[in-house]
Amino acid sequence: MIETPSKTYWIGYDLGGTKMLCSLYDEEFQPIAQRRRKTKGQDGVGVGLERIVETVKDTLEKAQLSPEQVSGIGIGCPGPLDLEKGVMLEAPNLG
C-alpha cells in the first residue's frame, strides 16, 4: 500500500490589482512560505490564471511540499458574485 502525504497545509491567495500574494499555512494556520508577484492584469485573464498557478507551484516548491499535501485554497479577489451558485462572475483584477 502506498502511503499518501498528510493533508495539513492550506493556501491563502490575495489577487490584488497590482500584486498577487500566495501564502502557505501549516495545520495551525501559521505561515510557512510566501510568494509575491505583480498581477499584470493588462495581459488578460489567461495570463493571469497562468500566473496564479505558477505562483502556487513556486510557493509549494519553496516549502518543499507537493500539491497533494494541500487541503484547500482560499482566494480573495474583488468582483461581482453569484452567491446562489457560489461563483465569481468577473475578476476585474485580471483585466
C-alpha atoms as a PDB file:
ATOM      1  CA  MET A   1       0.000   0.000   0.000  1.00  0.00           C
ATOM      2  CA  ILE A   2       1.327   3.449  -0.966  1.00  0.00           C
ATOM      3  CA  GLU A   3       1.310   5.936   1.874  1.00  0.00           C
ATOM      4  CA  THR A   4      -0.127   9.332   0.930  1.00  0.00           C
ATOM      5  CA  PRO A   5       1.241  12.545   2.416  1.00  0.00           C
ATOM      6  CA  SER A   6      -0.692  14.209   5.208  1.00  0.00           C
ATOM      7  CA  LYS A   7      -3.010  16.979   4.006  1.00  0.00           C
ATOM      8  CA  THR A   8      -2.310  19.539   6.681  1.00  0.00           C
ATOM      9  CA  TYR A   9      -1.491  22.626   4.632  1.00  0.00           C
ATOM     10  CA  TRP A  10      -3.650  25.466   3.374  1.00  0.00           C
ATOM     11  CA  ILE A  11      -3.135  28.219   0.803  1.00  0.00           C
ATOM     12  CA  GLY A  12      -4.439  31.748   1.057  1.00  0.00           C
ATOM     13  CA  TYR A  13      -4.275  33.754  -2.156  1.00  0.00           C
ATOM     14  CA  ASP A  14      -4.673  37.530  -2.451  1.00  0.00           C
ATOM     15  CA  LEU A  15      -5.400  38.588  -6.030  1.00  0.00           C
ATOM     16  CA  GLY A  16      -4.980  42.341  -5.946  1.00  0.00           C
ATOM     17  CA  GLY A  17      -4.984  44.959  -8.654  1.00  0.00           C
ATOM     18  CA  THR A  18      -1.198  45.345  -8.711  1.00  0.00           C
ATOM     19  CA  LYS A  19       0.119  42.320  -6.800  1.00  0.00           C
ATOM     20  CA  MET A  20      -0.753  38.720  -6.117  1.00  0.00           C
ATOM     21  CA  LEU A  21       0.362  37.028  -2.925  1.00  0.00           C
ATOM     22  CA  CYS A  22       0.277  33.315  -2.212  1.00  0.00           C
ATOM     23  CA  SER A  23       0.706  32.299   1.432  1.00  0.00           C
ATOM     24  CA  LEU A  24       1.095  28.721   2.627  1.00  0.00           C
ATOM     25  CA  TYR A  25      -0.049  27.812   6.142  1.00  0.00           C
ATOM     26  CA  ASP A  26       0.504  24.772   8.334  1.00  0.00           C
ATOM     27  CA  GLU A  27      -2.155  22.846  10.293  1.00  0.00           C
ATOM     28  CA  GLU A  28      -2.153  25.547  12.988  1.00  0.00           C
ATOM     29  CA  PHE A  29      -2.542  28.256  10.324  1.00  0.00           C
ATOM     30  CA  GLN A  30       0.955  29.579  10.865  1.00  0.00           C
ATOM     31  CA  PRO A  31       2.560  30.960   7.683  1.00  0.00           C
ATOM     32  CA  ILE A  32       5.405  28.817   6.374  1.00  0.00           C
ATOM     33  CA  ALA A  33       6.036  30.185   2.856  1.00  0.00           C
ATOM     34  CA  GLN A  34       5.000  33.061   0.609  1.00  0.00           C
ATOM     35  CA  ARG A  35       5.432  34.141  -2.991  1.00  0.00           C
ATOM     36  CA  ARG A  36       4.572  37.596  -4.297  1.00  0.00           C
ATOM     37  CA  ARG A  37       4.330  38.723  -7.929  1.00  0.00           C
ATOM     38  CA  LYS A  38       2.894  41.533  -9.981  1.00  0.00           C
ATOM     39  CA  THR A  39      -0.667  40.825 -11.149  1.00  0.00           C
ATOM     40  CA  LYS A  40      -0.204  42.215 -14.692  1.00  0.00           C
ATOM     41  CA  GLY A  41      -3.976  42.333 -15.254  1.00  0.00           C
ATOM     42  CA  GLN A  42      -3.450  44.174 -18.521  1.00  0.00           C
ATOM     43  CA  ASP A  43      -2.112  40.911 -20.003  1.00  0.00           C
ATOM     44  CA  GLY A  44      -5.566  39.282 -19.788  1.00  0.00           C
ATOM     45  CA  VAL A  45      -7.349  36.509 -17.963  1.00  0.00           C
ATOM     46  CA  GLY A  46      -5.408  33.599 -19.492  1.00  0.00           C
ATOM     47  CA  VAL A  47      -2.056  35.038 -18.484  1.00  0.00           C
ATOM     48  CA  GLY A  48      -3.436  35.951 -15.064  1.00  0.00           C
ATOM     49  CA  LEU A  49      -4.678  32.429 -14.386  1.00  0.00           C
ATOM     50  CA  GLU A  50      -1.346  31.012 -15.523  1.00  0.00           C
ATOM     51  CA  ARG A  51       0.457  33.391 -13.148  1.00  0.00           C
ATOM     52  CA  ILE A  52      -1.773  32.235 -10.269  1.00  0.00           C
ATOM     53  CA  VAL A  53      -0.937  28.576 -10.943  1.00  0.00           C
ATOM     54  CA  GLU A  54       2.789  29.345 -11.273  1.00  0.00           C
ATOM     55  CA  THR A  55       2.763  31.323  -8.024  1.00  0.00           C
ATOM     56  CA  VAL A  56       1.097  28.463  -6.138  1.00  0.00           C
ATOM     57  CA  LYS A  57       3.608  25.976  -7.589  1.00  0.00           C
ATOM     58  CA  ASP A  58       6.532  28.267  -6.661  1.00  0.00           C
ATOM     59  CA  THR A  59       5.233  28.597  -3.100  1.00  0.00           C
ATOM     60  CA  LEU A  60       4.898  24.819  -2.722  1.00  0.00           C
ATOM     61  CA  GLU A  61       8.400  24.294  -4.136  1.00  0.00           C
ATOM     62  CA  LYS A  62       9.789  26.860  -1.696  1.00  0.00           C
ATOM     63  CA  ALA A  63       8.255  24.847   1.172  1.00  0.00           C
ATOM     64  CA  GLN A  64       9.257  21.515  -0.433  1.00  0.00           C
ATOM     65  CA  LEU A  65       5.633  20.304  -0.490  1.00  0.00           C
ATOM     66  CA  SER A  66       3.510  18.619  -3.123  1.00  0.00           C
ATOM     67  CA  PRO A  67       0.024  19.707  -4.241  1.00  0.00           C
ATOM     68  CA  GLU A  68      -1.366  16.526  -2.657  1.00  0.00           C
ATOM     69  CA  GLN A  69      -0.414  17.884   0.772  1.00  0.00           C
ATOM     70  CA  VAL A  70      -2.728  20.902   0.409  1.00  0.00           C
ATOM     71  CA  SER A  71      -6.181  20.597   1.946  1.00  0.00           C
ATOM     72  CA  GLY A  72      -7.624  23.696   0.312  1.00  0.00           C
ATOM     73  CA  ILE A  73      -7.133  27.096  -1.274  1.00  0.00           C
ATOM     74  CA  GLY A  74      -8.966  30.311  -0.476  1.00  0.00           C
ATOM     75  CA  ILE A  75      -8.735  33.211  -2.932  1.00  0.00           C
ATOM     76  CA  GLY A  76      -9.565  36.814  -2.117  1.00  0.00           C
ATOM     77  CA  CYS A  77     -10.444  38.856  -5.200  1.00  0.00           C
ATOM     78  CA  PRO A  78     -12.845  41.773  -5.664  1.00  0.00           C
ATOM     79  CA  GLY A  79     -15.626  41.398  -8.189  1.00  0.00           C
ATOM     80  CA  PRO A  80     -19.308  40.610  -8.630  1.00  0.00           C
ATOM     81  CA  LEU A  81     -20.540  37.282  -7.255  1.00  0.00           C
ATOM     82  CA  ASP A  82     -23.449  34.954  -7.816  1.00  0.00           C
ATOM     83  CA  LEU A  83     -23.999  33.937  -4.197  1.00  0.00           C
ATOM     84  CA  GLU A  84     -26.585  31.282  -5.045  1.00  0.00           C
ATOM     85  CA  LYS A  85     -24.183  29.454  -7.370  1.00  0.00           C
ATOM     86  CA  GLY A  86     -21.105  30.328  -5.318  1.00  0.00           C
ATOM     87  CA  VAL A  87     -19.121  31.690  -8.260  1.00  0.00           C
ATOM     88  CA  MET A  88     -17.374  34.892  -9.171  1.00  0.00           C
ATOM     89  CA  LEU A  89     -18.875  36.418 -12.306  1.00  0.00           C
ATOM     90  CA  GLU A  90     -15.928  38.605 -13.229  1.00  0.00           C
ATOM     91  CA  ALA A  91     -12.379  39.108 -11.946  1.00  0.00           C
ATOM     92  CA  PRO A  92     -11.612  42.768 -12.738  1.00  0.00           C
ATOM     93  CA  ASN A  93      -8.021  42.404 -11.472  1.00  0.00           C
ATOM     94  CA  LEU A  94      -7.333  40.014 -14.363  1.00  0.00           C
ATOM     95  CA  GLY A  95      -8.433  42.515 -16.997  1.00  0.00           C
END
